[in-house]
PDB file of N, CA and C in Angstrom:
ATOM      1  N   MET A   1     101.762  83.353 142.258  1.00  0.00           N
ATOM      2  CA  MET A   1     100.822  82.226 141.550  1.00  0.00           C
ATOM      3  C   MET A   1     100.002  83.295 140.564  1.00  0.00           C
ATOM      4  N   LYS A   2      99.589  84.238 141.011  1.00  0.00           N
ATOM      5  CA  LYS A   2      98.701  85.253 140.068  1.00  0.00           C
ATOM      6  C   LYS A   2      99.506  85.864 138.716  1.00  0.00           C
ATOM      7  N   LYS A   3     100.899  86.029 138.896  1.00  0.00           N
ATOM      8  CA  LYS A   3     101.716  86.471 137.718  1.00  0.00           C
ATOM      9  C   LYS A   3     101.752  85.205 136.855  1.00  0.00           C
ATOM     10  N   TRP A   4     101.965  83.998 137.503  1.00  0.00           N
ATOM     11  CA  TRP A   4     102.044  82.750 136.661  1.00  0.00           C
ATOM     12  C   TRP A   4     100.964  82.718 135.758  1.00  0.00           C
ATOM     13  N   LEU A   5      99.878  82.768 136.302  1.00  0.00           N
ATOM     14  CA  LEU A   5      98.481  82.693 135.665  1.00  0.00           C
ATOM     15  C   LEU A   5      98.121  83.532 134.447  1.00  0.00           C
ATOM     16  N   ILE A   6      98.656  84.804 134.904  1.00  0.00           N
ATOM     17  CA  ILE A   6      98.475  85.931 133.706  1.00  0.00           C
ATOM     18  C   ILE A   6      99.585  85.471 132.714  1.00  0.00           C
ATOM     19  N   GLY A   7     100.669  84.905 132.730  1.00  0.00           N
ATOM     20  CA  GLY A   7     101.692  84.630 131.865  1.00  0.00           C
ATOM     21  C   GLY A   7     101.300  83.720 131.026  1.00  0.00           C
ATOM     22  N   VAL A   8     100.518  82.658 131.686  1.00  0.00           N
ATOM     23  CA  VAL A   8     100.012  81.440 130.870  1.00  0.00           C
ATOM     24  C   VAL A   8      98.866  82.029 130.069  1.00  0.00           C
ATOM     25  N   VAL A   9      98.017  82.623 130.498  1.00  0.00           N
ATOM     26  CA  VAL A   9      96.892  83.174 129.794  1.00  0.00           C
ATOM     27  C   VAL A   9      97.463  83.974 128.608  1.00  0.00           C
ATOM     28  N   GLY A  10      98.439  85.045 128.840  1.00  0.00           N
ATOM     29  CA  GLY A  10      99.132  85.899 127.840  1.00  0.00           C
ATOM     30  C   GLY A  10      99.511  84.838 126.689  1.00  0.00           C
ATOM     31  N   PHE A  11     100.354  83.866 126.962  1.00  0.00           N
ATOM     32  CA  PHE A  11     100.806  82.907 126.060  1.00  0.00           C
ATOM     33  C   PHE A  11      99.819  82.403 125.531  1.00  0.00           C
ATOM     34  N   LEU A  12      98.941  81.609 125.915  1.00  0.00           N
ATOM     35  CA  LEU A  12      97.817  81.143 125.168  1.00  0.00           C
ATOM     36  C   LEU A  12      97.144  81.890 124.159  1.00  0.00           C
ATOM     37  N   LEU A  13      96.779  83.509 124.697  1.00  0.00           N
ATOM     38  CA  LEU A  13      96.365  84.386 123.795  1.00  0.00           C
ATOM     39  C   LEU A  13      97.179  84.580 122.582  1.00  0.00           C
ATOM     40  N   VAL A  14      98.437  84.594 122.792  1.00  0.00           N
ATOM     41  CA  VAL A  14      99.624  84.944 121.651  1.00  0.00           C
ATOM     42  C   VAL A  14      99.332  83.656 120.740  1.00  0.00           C
ATOM     43  N   LEU A  15      99.406  82.292 121.328  1.00  0.00           N
ATOM     44  CA  LEU A  15      99.389  81.050 120.500  1.00  0.00           C
ATOM     45  C   LEU A  15      98.111  81.166 119.796  1.00  0.00           C
ATOM     46  N   LEU A  16      97.120  81.425 120.314  1.00  0.00           N
ATOM     47  CA  LEU A  16      95.726  81.517 119.633  1.00  0.00           C
ATOM     48  C   LEU A  16      95.799  82.433 118.508  1.00  0.00           C
ATOM     49  N   ILE A  17      96.097  83.690 118.667  1.00  0.00           N
ATOM     50  CA  ILE A  17      96.032  84.750 117.592  1.00  0.00           C
ATOM     51  C   ILE A  17      97.271  84.419 116.462  1.00  0.00           C
ATOM     52  N   GLY A  18      98.164  83.566 116.813  1.00  0.00           N
ATOM     53  CA  GLY A  18      99.074  83.061 115.779  1.00  0.00           C
ATOM     54  C   GLY A  18      98.735  82.176 115.100  1.00  0.00           C
ATOM     55  N   GLY A  19      98.125  81.329 115.704  1.00  0.00           N
ATOM     56  CA  GLY A  19      97.374  79.919 114.985  1.00  0.00           C
ATOM     57  C   GLY A  19      96.362  80.543 113.776  1.00  0.00           C
ATOM     58  N   TYR A  20      95.706  81.282 114.277  1.00  0.00           N
ATOM     59  CA  TYR A  20      94.597  81.993 113.445  1.00  0.00           C
ATOM     60  C   TYR A  20      95.116  82.627 112.066  1.00  0.00           C
ATOM     61  N   PHE A  21      96.304  83.449 112.399  1.00  0.00           N
ATOM     62  CA  PHE A  21      96.885  83.927 111.111  1.00  0.00           C
ATOM     63  C   PHE A  21      97.711  82.967 110.289  1.00  0.00           C
ATOM     64  N   ILE A  22      98.121  81.727 110.988  1.00  0.00           N
ATOM     65  CA  ILE A  22      98.749  80.968 110.036  1.00  0.00           C
ATOM     66  C   ILE A  22      97.814  80.005 109.370  1.00  0.00           C
ATOM     67  N   LEU A  23      96.752  79.761 110.002  1.00  0.00           N
ATOM     68  CA  LEU A  23      95.745  78.839 109.327  1.00  0.00           C
ATOM     69  C   LEU A  23      94.993  79.992 108.216  1.00  0.00           C
ATOM     70  N   THR A  24      94.722  81.072 108.529  1.00  0.00           N
ATOM     71  CA  THR A  24      94.209  81.834 107.257  1.00  0.00           C
ATOM     72  C   THR A  24      95.172  82.103 106.225  1.00  0.00           C
ATOM     73  N   PHE A  25      96.468  82.323 106.479  1.00  0.00           N
ATOM     74  CA  PHE A  25      97.347  82.382 105.433  1.00  0.00           C
ATOM     75  C   PHE A  25      97.550  80.954 104.549  1.00  0.00           C
ATOM     76  N   TYR A  26      97.410  79.972 105.216  1.00  0.00           N
ATOM     77  CA  TYR A  26      97.593  78.682 104.335  1.00  0.00           C
ATOM     78  C   TYR A  26      96.258  78.361 103.631  1.00  0.00           C
ATOM     79  N   ALA A  27      94.918  78.979 104.091  1.00  0.00           N
ATOM     80  CA  ALA A  27      93.777  78.624 103.520  1.00  0.00           C
ATOM     81  C   ALA A  27      93.755  79.881 102.180  1.00  0.00           C
ATOM     82  N   VAL A  28      94.468  80.740 102.476  1.00  0.00           N
ATOM     83  CA  VAL A  28      94.205  81.483 101.236  1.00  0.00           C
ATOM     84  C   VAL A  28      95.340  81.058 100.139  1.00  0.00           C
ATOM     85  N   LYS A  29      96.364  80.621 100.561  1.00  0.00           N
ATOM     86  CA  LYS A  29      97.388  80.055  99.641  1.00  0.00           C
ATOM     87  C   LYS A  29      96.811  78.842  98.801  1.00  0.00           C
ATOM     88  N   PHE A  30      95.922  78.035  99.501  1.00  0.00           N
ATOM     89  CA  PHE A  30      95.078  76.980  98.811  1.00  0.00           C
ATOM     90  C   PHE A  30      94.183  77.417  97.695  1.00  0.00           C
ATOM     91  N   ILE A  31      93.553  78.648  97.932  1.00  0.00           N
ATOM     92  CA  ILE A  31      92.705  79.066  97.190  1.00  0.00           C
ATOM     93  C   ILE A  31      93.202  79.963  95.834  1.00  0.00           C
ATOM     94  N   GLN A  32      94.306  80.277  95.971  1.00  0.00           N
ATOM     95  CA  GLN A  32      94.921  80.941  94.847  1.00  0.00           C
ATOM     96  C   GLN A  32      95.195  79.987  93.531  1.00  0.00           C
ATOM     97  N   PRO A  33      95.426  78.972  93.618  1.00  0.00           N
ATOM     98  CA  PRO A  33      95.596  77.911  92.323  1.00  0.00           C
ATOM     99  C   PRO A  33      94.159  77.680  91.685  1.00  0.00           C
ATOM    100  N   ARG A  34      93.221  77.574  92.682  1.00  0.00           N
ATOM    101  CA  ARG A  34      91.775  77.389  92.140  1.00  0.00           C
ATOM    102  C   ARG A  34      91.459  78.709  91.545  1.00  0.00           C
ATOM    103  N   LEU A  35      91.423  79.704  91.974  1.00  0.00           N
ATOM    104  CA  LEU A  35      91.128  81.035  91.385  1.00  0.00           C
ATOM    105  C   LEU A  35      91.774  81.081  90.026  1.00  0.00           C
ATOM    106  N   GLN A  36      92.923  80.890  89.772  1.00  0.00           N
ATOM    107  CA  GLN A  36      93.578  81.031  88.425  1.00  0.00           C
ATOM    108  C   GLN A  36      92.975  79.989  87.658  1.00  0.00           C
ATOM    109  N   LYS A  37      92.863  78.718  88.173  1.00  0.00           N
ATOM    110  CA  LYS A  37      92.094  77.586  87.297  1.00  0.00           C
ATOM    111  C   LYS A  37      90.615  78.075  86.624  1.00  0.00           C
ATOM    112  N   VAL A  38      89.976  78.544  87.632  1.00  0.00           N
ATOM    113  CA  VAL A  38      88.473  78.979  87.316  1.00  0.00           C
ATOM    114  C   VAL A  38      88.730  79.992  86.250  1.00  0.00           C
ATOM    115  N   MET A  39      89.593  81.125  86.259  1.00  0.00           N
ATOM    116  CA  MET A  39      89.608  82.091  85.468  1.00  0.00           C
ATOM    117  C   MET A  39      90.004  81.591  83.846  1.00  0.00           C
ATOM    118  N   GLY A  40      89.283  81.565  82.859  1.00  0.00           N
ATOM    119  CA  GLY A  40      89.558  80.706  81.754  1.00  0.00           C
ATOM    120  C   GLY A  40      90.429  81.900  80.733  1.00  0.00           C
ATOM    121  N   SER A  41      90.117  81.621  79.264  1.00  0.00           N
ATOM    122  CA  SER A  41      90.694  82.337  78.584  1.00  0.00           C
ATOM    123  C   SER A  41      89.923  83.745  78.306  1.00  0.00           C
ATOM    124  N   GLY A  42      90.510  84.933  78.003  1.00  0.00           N
ATOM    125  CA  GLY A  42      89.964  86.190  77.881  1.00  0.00           C
ATOM    126  C   GLY A  42      90.029  86.867  79.203  1.00  0.00           C
ATOM    127  N   PHE A  43      90.294  86.322  80.427  1.00  0.00           N
ATOM    128  CA  PHE A  43      90.572  87.131  81.673  1.00  0.00           C
ATOM    129  C   PHE A  43      91.976  87.406  81.784  1.00  0.00           C
ATOM    130  N   THR A  44      92.311  88.739  82.129  1.00  0.00           N
ATOM    131  CA  THR A  44      93.662  89.168  82.583  1.00  0.00           C
ATOM    132  C   THR A  44      93.562  89.679  84.129  1.00  0.00           C
ATOM    133  N   VAL A  45      94.637  89.389  84.802  1.00  0.00           N
ATOM    134  CA  VAL A  45      94.595  89.923  86.026  1.00  0.00           C
ATOM    135  C   VAL A  45      96.372  90.556  86.066  1.00  0.00           C
ATOM    136  N   GLU A  46      96.247  91.570  86.552  1.00  0.00           N
ATOM    137  CA  GLU A  46      97.447  92.472  86.809  1.00  0.00           C
ATOM    138  C   GLU A  46      98.275  91.959  87.927  1.00  0.00           C
ATOM    139  N   GLU A  47      97.549  91.645  89.084  1.00  0.00           N
ATOM    140  CA  GLU A  47      98.483  91.243  90.176  1.00  0.00           C
ATOM    141  C   GLU A  47      97.568  90.437  91.353  1.00  0.00           C
ATOM    142  N   VAL A  48      97.955  89.315  91.598  1.00  0.00           N
ATOM    143  CA  VAL A  48      97.476  88.299  92.466  1.00  0.00           C
ATOM    144  C   VAL A  48      98.371  88.536  93.770  1.00  0.00           C
ATOM    145  N   GLY A  49      97.550  88.663  94.948  1.00  0.00           N
ATOM    146  CA  GLY A  49      98.423  88.478  96.082  1.00  0.00           C
ATOM    147  C   GLY A  49      97.994  88.178  97.514  1.00  0.00           C
ATOM    148  N   LEU A  50      98.630  87.693  98.389  1.00  0.00           N
ATOM    149  CA  LEU A  50      98.061  87.316  99.754  1.00  0.00           C
ATOM    150  C   LEU A  50      98.119  88.553 100.633  1.00  0.00           C
ATOM    151  N   LYS A  51      96.999  88.683 101.210  1.00  0.00           N
ATOM    152  CA  LYS A  51      96.961  89.511 102.536  1.00  0.00           C
ATOM    153  C   LYS A  51      96.916  88.416 103.528  1.00  0.00           C
ATOM    154  N   ILE A  52      96.869  89.025 104.985  1.00  0.00           N
ATOM    155  CA  ILE A  52      96.821  88.065 106.173  1.00  0.00           C
ATOM    156  C   ILE A  52      95.401  87.449 106.333  1.00  0.00           C
ATOM    157  N   THR A  53      94.290  88.016 105.709  1.00  0.00           N
ATOM    158  CA  THR A  53      92.999  87.203 105.806  1.00  0.00           C
ATOM    159  C   THR A  53      92.298  87.003 104.557  1.00  0.00           C
ATOM    160  N   TYR A  54      92.872  87.499 103.543  1.00  0.00           N
ATOM    161  CA  TYR A  54      92.245  87.212 101.997  1.00  0.00           C
ATOM    162  C   TYR A  54      93.209  87.085 101.084  1.00  0.00           C
ATOM    163  N   LEU A  55      92.715  86.449  99.863  1.00  0.00           N
ATOM    164  CA  LEU A  55      93.566  86.561  98.641  1.00  0.00           C
ATOM    165  C   LEU A  55      92.802  87.742  97.814  1.00  0.00           C
ATOM    166  N   SER A  56      93.806  88.486  97.098  1.00  0.00           N
ATOM    167  CA  SER A  56      93.694  89.716  96.371  1.00  0.00           C
ATOM    168  C   SER A  56      93.878  89.602  95.310  1.00  0.00           C
ATOM    169  N   ALA A  57      93.107  89.871  93.878  1.00  0.00           N
ATOM    170  CA  ALA A  57      93.261  89.905  92.827  1.00  0.00           C
ATOM    171  C   ALA A  57      92.938  91.288  92.126  1.00  0.00           C
ATOM    172  N   LYS A  58      94.004  92.087  91.713  1.00  0.00           N
ATOM    173  CA  LYS A  58      93.627  93.425  91.237  1.00  0.00           C
ATOM    174  C   LYS A  58      93.720  93.543  89.680  1.00  0.00           C
ATOM    175  N   GLY A  59      93.137  94.578  89.137  1.00  0.00           N
ATOM    176  CA  GLY A  59      93.195  94.882  87.851  1.00  0.00           C
ATOM    177  C   GLY A  59      92.603  93.490  86.839  1.00  0.00           C
ATOM    178  N   ILE A  60      91.353  93.127  87.284  1.00  0.00           N
ATOM    179  CA  ILE A  60      90.986  92.030  86.538  1.00  0.00           C
ATOM    180  C   ILE A  60      89.910  92.797  85.221  1.00  0.00           C
ATOM    181  N   ARG A  61      90.144  91.992  84.130  1.00  0.00           N
ATOM    182  CA  ARG A  61      89.494  92.425  82.889  1.00  0.00           C
ATOM    183  C   ARG A  61      89.189  91.246  81.962  1.00  0.00           C
ATOM    184  N   TYR A  62      88.026  91.363  81.462  1.00  0.00           N
ATOM    185  CA  TYR A  62      87.670  90.132  80.599  1.00  0.00           C
ATOM    186  C   TYR A  62      87.378  90.771  79.094  1.00  0.00           C
ATOM    187  N   GLU A  63      88.026  90.215  78.240  1.00  0.00           N
ATOM    188  CA  GLU A  63      88.235  90.692  76.779  1.00  0.00           C
ATOM    189  C   GLU A  63      87.518  89.488  76.020  1.00  0.00           C
ATOM    190  N   ASP A  64      86.706  89.553  75.052  1.00  0.00           N
ATOM    191  CA  ASP A  64      86.139  88.336  74.359  1.00  0.00           C
ATOM    192  C   ASP A  64      87.332  88.162  73.530  1.00  0.00           C
ATOM    193  N   PRO A  65      87.795  86.745  73.387  1.00  0.00           N
ATOM    194  CA  PRO A  65      88.960  86.183  72.606  1.00  0.00           C
ATOM    195  C   PRO A  65      88.760  86.831  71.188  1.00  0.00           C
ATOM    196  N   GLY A  66      87.548  86.549  70.613  1.00  0.00           N
ATOM    197  CA  GLY A  66      87.392  86.844  69.137  1.00  0.00           C
ATOM    198  C   GLY A  66      87.293  87.940  68.827  1.00  0.00           C
ATOM    199  N   SER A  67      86.380  88.969  69.289  1.00  0.00           N
ATOM    200  CA  SER A  67      86.407  90.422  69.081  1.00  0.00           C
ATOM    201  C   SER A  67      87.389  91.477  69.580  1.00  0.00           C
ATOM    202  N   LYS A  68      88.139  90.882  70.827  1.00  0.00           N
ATOM    203  CA  LYS A  68      88.892  91.677  71.540  1.00  0.00           C
ATOM    204  C   LYS A  68      88.314  92.878  72.228  1.00  0.00           C
ATOM    205  N   ARG A  69      86.957  92.876  72.420  1.00  0.00           N
ATOM    206  CA  ARG A  69      86.059  94.059  73.032  1.00  0.00           C
ATOM    207  C   ARG A  69      86.031  93.555  74.597  1.00  0.00           C
ATOM    208  N   LYS A  70      86.300  94.840  75.507  1.00  0.00           N
ATOM    209  CA  LYS A  70      86.370  94.377  76.780  1.00  0.00           C
ATOM    210  C   LYS A  70      85.000  94.527  77.529  1.00  0.00           C
ATOM    211  N   PHE A  71      84.552  93.555  77.956  1.00  0.00           N
ATOM    212  CA  PHE A  71      83.055  93.345  78.630  1.00  0.00           C
ATOM    213  C   PHE A  71      83.167  93.538  80.026  1.00  0.00           C
ATOM    214  N   PHE A  72      84.128  93.294  80.621  1.00  0.00           N
ATOM    215  CA  PHE A  72      84.127  93.377  82.394  1.00  0.00           C
ATOM    216  C   PHE A  72      85.341  93.731  82.806  1.00  0.00           C
ATOM    217  N   GLN A  73      85.272  94.660  83.733  1.00  0.00           N
ATOM    218  CA  GLN A  73      86.410  95.077  84.613  1.00  0.00           C
ATOM    219  C   GLN A  73      86.272  95.228  85.985  1.00  0.00           C
ATOM    220  N   ALA A  74      87.040  94.981  87.019  1.00  0.00           N
ATOM    221  CA  ALA A  74      86.906  95.121  88.333  1.00  0.00           C
ATOM    222  C   ALA A  74      88.400  95.446  88.949  1.00  0.00           C
ATOM    223  N   GLU A  75      88.275  96.503  89.742  1.00  0.00           N
ATOM    224  CA  GLU A  75      89.410  96.934  90.213  1.00  0.00           C
ATOM    225  C   GLU A  75      90.150  96.036  91.162  1.00  0.00           C
ATOM    226  N   GLU A  76      89.187  95.161  92.265  1.00  0.00           N
ATOM    227  CA  GLU A  76      89.880  94.113  92.884  1.00  0.00           C
ATOM    228  C   GLU A  76      88.878  93.322  93.128  1.00  0.00           C
ATOM    229  N   ILE A  77      89.208  91.855  93.424  1.00  0.00           N
ATOM    230  CA  ILE A  77      88.514  90.914  93.830  1.00  0.00           C
ATOM    231  C   ILE A  77      89.023  90.337  95.129  1.00  0.00           C
ATOM    232  N   ARG A  78      88.378  90.156  96.243  1.00  0.00           N
ATOM    233  CA  ARG A  78      88.843  89.638  97.564  1.00  0.00           C
ATOM    234  C   ARG A  78      88.232  88.338  97.689  1.00  0.00           C
ATOM    235  N   VAL A  79      88.762  87.223  98.090  1.00  0.00           N
ATOM    236  CA  VAL A  79      88.422  86.033  98.450  1.00  0.00           C
ATOM    237  C   VAL A  79      88.767  85.596  99.911  1.00  0.00           C
ATOM    238  N   TYR A  80      87.786  85.546 100.929  1.00  0.00           N
ATOM    239  CA  TYR A  80      87.969  85.161 102.130  1.00  0.00           C
ATOM    240  C   TYR A  80      87.717  83.688 102.376  1.00  0.00           C
ATOM    241  N   PRO A  81      88.677  83.096 102.836  1.00  0.00           N
ATOM    242  CA  PRO A  81      88.364  81.564 102.984  1.00  0.00           C
ATOM    243  C   PRO A  81      87.822  81.254 104.431  1.00  0.00           C
ATOM    244  N   SER A  82      87.059  80.384 104.535  1.00  0.00           N
ATOM    245  CA  SER A  82      86.473  79.622 105.827  1.00  0.00           C
ATOM    246  C   SER A  82      87.485  78.902 106.616  1.00  0.00           C
ATOM    247  N   LEU A  83      87.885  79.359 107.767  1.00  0.00           N
ATOM    248  CA  LEU A  83      88.807  78.578 108.421  1.00  0.00           C
ATOM    249  C   LEU A  83      88.248  77.346 109.060  1.00  0.00           C
ATOM    250  N   ARG A  84      86.895  77.133 109.327  1.00  0.00           N
ATOM    251  CA  ARG A  84      86.294  75.747 109.728  1.00  0.00           C
ATOM    252  C   ARG A  84      86.446  74.807 108.755  1.00  0.00           C
ATOM    253  N   SER A  85      86.319  75.255 107.673  1.00  0.00           N
ATOM    254  CA  SER A  85      86.315  74.135 106.373  1.00  0.00           C
ATOM    255  C   SER A  85      87.825  73.814 106.316  1.00  0.00           C
ATOM    256  N   LEU A  86      88.781  74.633 106.379  1.00  0.00           N
ATOM    257  CA  LEU A  86      90.350  73.968 106.367  1.00  0.00           C
ATOM    258  C   LEU A  86      90.495  73.074 107.522  1.00  0.00           C
ATOM    259  N   LEU A  87      89.934  73.259 108.624  1.00  0.00           N
ATOM    260  CA  LEU A  87      90.129  72.282 109.680  1.00  0.00           C
ATOM    261  C   LEU A  87      89.609  70.848 109.397  1.00  0.00           C
ATOM    262  N   LYS A  88      88.639  70.826 108.623  1.00  0.00           N
ATOM    263  CA  LYS A  88      87.728  69.454 108.133  1.00  0.00           C
ATOM    264  C   LYS A  88      88.356  69.107 106.950  1.00  0.00           C
ATOM    265  N   ASN A  89      89.316  69.398 106.486  1.00  0.00           N
ATOM    266  CA  ASN A  89      90.125  68.900 105.258  1.00  0.00           C
ATOM    267  C   ASN A  89      89.516  69.240 104.030  1.00  0.00           C
ATOM    268  N   SER A  90      88.983  70.391 103.899  1.00  0.00           N
ATOM    269  CA  SER A  90      88.082  70.768 102.727  1.00  0.00           C
ATOM    270  C   SER A  90      88.384  72.358 102.597  1.00  0.00           C
ATOM    271  N   LEU A  91      87.859  73.075 101.572  1.00  0.00           N
ATOM    272  CA  LEU A  91      88.232  74.439 101.247  1.00  0.00           C
ATOM    273  C   LEU A  91      86.782  74.942 100.757  1.00  0.00           C
ATOM    274  N   HIS A  92      86.219  75.973 101.658  1.00  0.00           N
ATOM    275  CA  HIS A  92      85.044  76.823 101.341  1.00  0.00           C
ATOM    276  C   HIS A  92      85.480  78.265 101.288  1.00  0.00           C
ATOM    277  N   ILE A  93      84.542  79.074 100.610  1.00  0.00           N
ATOM    278  CA  ILE A  93      84.748  80.506 100.551  1.00  0.00           C
ATOM    279  C   ILE A  93      83.812  81.035 101.676  1.00  0.00           C
ATOM    280  N   ARG A  94      84.317  81.866 102.573  1.00  0.00           N
ATOM    281  CA  ARG A  94      83.599  82.401 103.623  1.00  0.00           C
ATOM    282  C   ARG A  94      82.714  83.931 102.816  1.00  0.00           C
ATOM    283  N   GLU A  95      83.455  84.493 102.104  1.00  0.00           N
ATOM    284  CA  GLU A  95      82.960  85.832 101.624  1.00  0.00           C
ATOM    285  C   GLU A  95      83.797  85.962 100.399  1.00  0.00           C
ATOM    286  N   PHE A  96      83.081  86.788  99.431  1.00  0.00           N
ATOM    287  CA  PHE A  96      83.622  87.067  98.042  1.00  0.00           C
ATOM    288  C   PHE A  96      83.291  88.470  97.860  1.00  0.00           C
ATOM    289  N   ALA A  97      84.206  89.430  97.804  1.00  0.00           N
ATOM    290  CA  ALA A  97      84.039  90.709  97.459  1.00  0.00           C
ATOM    291  C   ALA A  97      84.584  91.094  96.044  1.00  0.00           C
ATOM    292  N   LEU A  98      83.688  91.833  95.304  1.00  0.00           N
ATOM    293  CA  LEU A  98      83.939  92.414  94.125  1.00  0.00           C
ATOM    294  C   LEU A  98      83.835  93.767  94.301  1.00  0.00           C
ATOM    295  N   LEU A  99      85.094  94.652  94.214  1.00  0.00           N
ATOM    296  CA  LEU A  99      85.274  95.961  94.302  1.00  0.00           C
ATOM    297  C   LEU A  99      85.368  96.835  92.833  1.00  0.00           C
ATOM    298  N   LYS A 100      84.600  97.786  92.675  1.00  0.00           N
ATOM    299  CA  LYS A 100      84.243  98.739  91.891  1.00  0.00           C
ATOM    300  C   LYS A 100      84.249  97.752  90.613  1.00  0.00           C
ATOM    301  N   PRO A 101      83.157  97.086  90.146  1.00  0.00           N
ATOM    302  CA  PRO A 101      82.882  96.190  88.949  1.00  0.00           C
ATOM    303  C   PRO A 101      82.341  97.142  87.810  1.00  0.00           C
ATOM    304  N   SER A 102      82.804  96.929  86.498  1.00  0.00           N
ATOM    305  CA  SER A 102      82.146  97.611  85.430  1.00  0.00           C
ATOM    306  C   SER A 102      81.771  96.554  84.170  1.00  0.00           C
ATOM    307  N   PHE A 103      80.732  96.677  84.006  1.00  0.00           N
ATOM    308  CA  PHE A 103      80.092  95.743  82.763  1.00  0.00           C
ATOM    309  C   PHE A 103      79.904  96.560  81.520  1.00  0.00           C
ATOM    310  N   PHE A 104      80.409  96.045  80.436  1.00  0.00           N
ATOM    311  CA  PHE A 104      80.246  97.002  79.050  1.00  0.00           C
ATOM    312  C   PHE A 104      79.291  95.843  78.276  1.00  0.00           C
ATOM    313  N   PHE A 105      78.450  96.824  77.532  1.00  0.00           N
ATOM    314  CA  PHE A 105      77.692  96.225  76.374  1.00  0.00           C
ATOM    315  C   PHE A 105      77.798  96.821  75.202  1.00  0.00           C
ATOM    316  N   TYR A 106      77.625  96.161  74.237  1.00  0.00           N
ATOM    317  CA  TYR A 106      77.772  96.769  72.873  1.00  0.00           C
ATOM    318  C   TYR A 106      76.573  96.391  71.923  1.00  0.00           C
ATOM    319  N   ARG A 107      76.297  97.402  71.072  1.00  0.00           N
ATOM    320  CA  ARG A 107      75.217  96.958  70.129  1.00  0.00           C
ATOM    321  C   ARG A 107      75.907  97.079  68.720  1.00  0.00           C
ATOM    322  N   SER A 108      75.389  95.854  67.812  1.00  0.00           N
ATOM    323  CA  SER A 108      75.770  95.716  66.613  1.00  0.00           C
ATOM    324  C   SER A 108      75.297  96.758  65.674  1.00  0.00           C
ATOM    325  N   PRO A 109      75.680  97.030  64.356  1.00  0.00           N
ATOM    326  CA  PRO A 109      74.925  97.779  63.367  1.00  0.00           C
ATOM    327  C   PRO A 109      73.655  97.340  63.243  1.00  0.00           C
ATOM    328  N   GLU A 110      73.180  96.282  63.345  1.00  0.00           N
ATOM    329  CA  GLU A 110      71.790  95.682  63.324  1.00  0.00           C
ATOM    330  C   GLU A 110      70.957  96.078  64.307  1.00  0.00           C
ATOM    331  N   GLY A 111      71.479  96.287  65.195  1.00  0.00           N
ATOM    332  CA  GLY A 111      70.866  96.756  66.734  1.00  0.00           C
ATOM    333  C   GLY A 111      70.856  95.303  67.627  1.00  0.00           C
ATOM    334  N   HIS A 112      71.340  94.586  67.520  1.00  0.00           N
ATOM    335  CA  HIS A 112      71.417  93.268  68.426  1.00  0.00           C
ATOM    336  C   HIS A 112      72.428  93.883  69.660  1.00  0.00           C
ATOM    337  N   MET A 113      72.198  93.104  70.780  1.00  0.00           N
ATOM    338  CA  MET A 113      73.248  93.180  71.748  1.00  0.00           C
ATOM    339  C   MET A 113      74.433  92.211  71.598  1.00  0.00           C
ATOM    340  N   VAL A 114      75.532  92.700  71.805  1.00  0.00           N
ATOM    341  CA  VAL A 114      76.621  91.796  71.537  1.00  0.00           C
ATOM    342  C   VAL A 114      77.350  91.759  72.934  1.00  0.00           C
ATOM    343  N   GLY A 115      77.772  90.573  73.300  1.00  0.00           N
ATOM    344  CA  GLY A 115      78.401  90.183  74.516  1.00  0.00           C
ATOM    345  C   GLY A 115      78.797  88.685  74.698  1.00  0.00           C
ATOM    346  N   PRO A 116      79.603  88.408  75.519  1.00  0.00           N
ATOM    347  CA  PRO A 116      80.179  86.944  75.601  1.00  0.00           C
ATOM    348  C   PRO A 116      78.972  86.187  76.077  1.00  0.00           C
ATOM    349  N   TRP A 117      78.002  86.451  76.567  1.00  0.00           N
ATOM    350  CA  TRP A 117      76.795  85.717  76.892  1.00  0.00           C
ATOM    351  C   TRP A 117      75.519  85.886  76.087  1.00  0.00           C
ATOM    352  N   VAL A 118      75.647  87.200  75.218  1.00  0.00           N
ATOM    353  CA  VAL A 118      74.211  87.217  74.406  1.00  0.00           C
ATOM    354  C   VAL A 118      74.634  86.870  72.912  1.00  0.00           C
ATOM    355  N   THR A 119      74.073  85.976  72.426  1.00  0.00           N
ATOM    356  CA  THR A 119      74.283  85.567  70.846  1.00  0.00           C
ATOM    357  C   THR A 119      73.768  86.414  69.977  1.00  0.00           C
ATOM    358  N   THR A 120      74.151  86.723  68.605  1.00  0.00           N
ATOM    359  CA  THR A 120      73.492  87.599  67.795  1.00  0.00           C
ATOM    360  C   THR A 120      72.908  86.656  66.683  1.00  0.00           C
ATOM    361  N   THR A 121      73.019  85.399  66.734  1.00  0.00           N
ATOM    362  CA  THR A 121      72.561  84.442  65.733  1.00  0.00           C
ATOM    363  C   THR A 121      70.920  84.218  66.229  1.00  0.00           C
ATOM    364  N   LYS A 122      70.102  84.134  65.183  1.00  0.00           N
ATOM    365  CA  LYS A 122      68.437  83.642  65.553  1.00  0.00           C
ATOM    366  C   LYS A 122      68.502  82.356  65.280  1.00  0.00           C
ATOM    367  N   ARG A 123      67.638  81.633  66.452  1.00  0.00           N
ATOM    368  CA  ARG A 123      67.434  80.208  66.113  1.00  0.00           C
ATOM    369  C   ARG A 123      66.182  80.183  65.216  1.00  0.00           C
ATOM    370  N   ALA A 124      66.243  79.081  64.520  1.00  0.00           N
ATOM    371  CA  ALA A 124      65.238  78.690  63.687  1.00  0.00           C
ATOM    372  C   ALA A 124      64.091  78.041  64.429  1.00  0.00           C
ATOM    373  N   SER A 125      62.885  78.311  64.278  1.00  0.00           N
ATOM    374  CA  SER A 125      61.684  78.028  65.214  1.00  0.00           C
ATOM    375  C   SER A 125      60.821  76.720  64.489  1.00  0.00           C
TER     376      SER A 125
END
């Protein structure tokens, strides 16, 4: 009787761990198209991959489409999905990790900061 109980507990443990990995894999798979949609023009990604528990995007760069200057670079972005949200028929991000980010700023010959979020034109008051 004791061996039978140990076998059942072992089977349930394997089933639980397997279910966790399957849910995590599918949650990450649902995030991948949304990540590509959010990244607009100017962003380049060398590699997008699925790991067991997260989505990995490597070699991310942002270049301004007009000036072709590089403004942002990151070695890797990791997106960890929330498993509870997948069970509730929605998708939420549990954790977002940005590994080795670099931001670049440029100054125009007139002394103004140039960037995708900083404008060089002055507003009329």
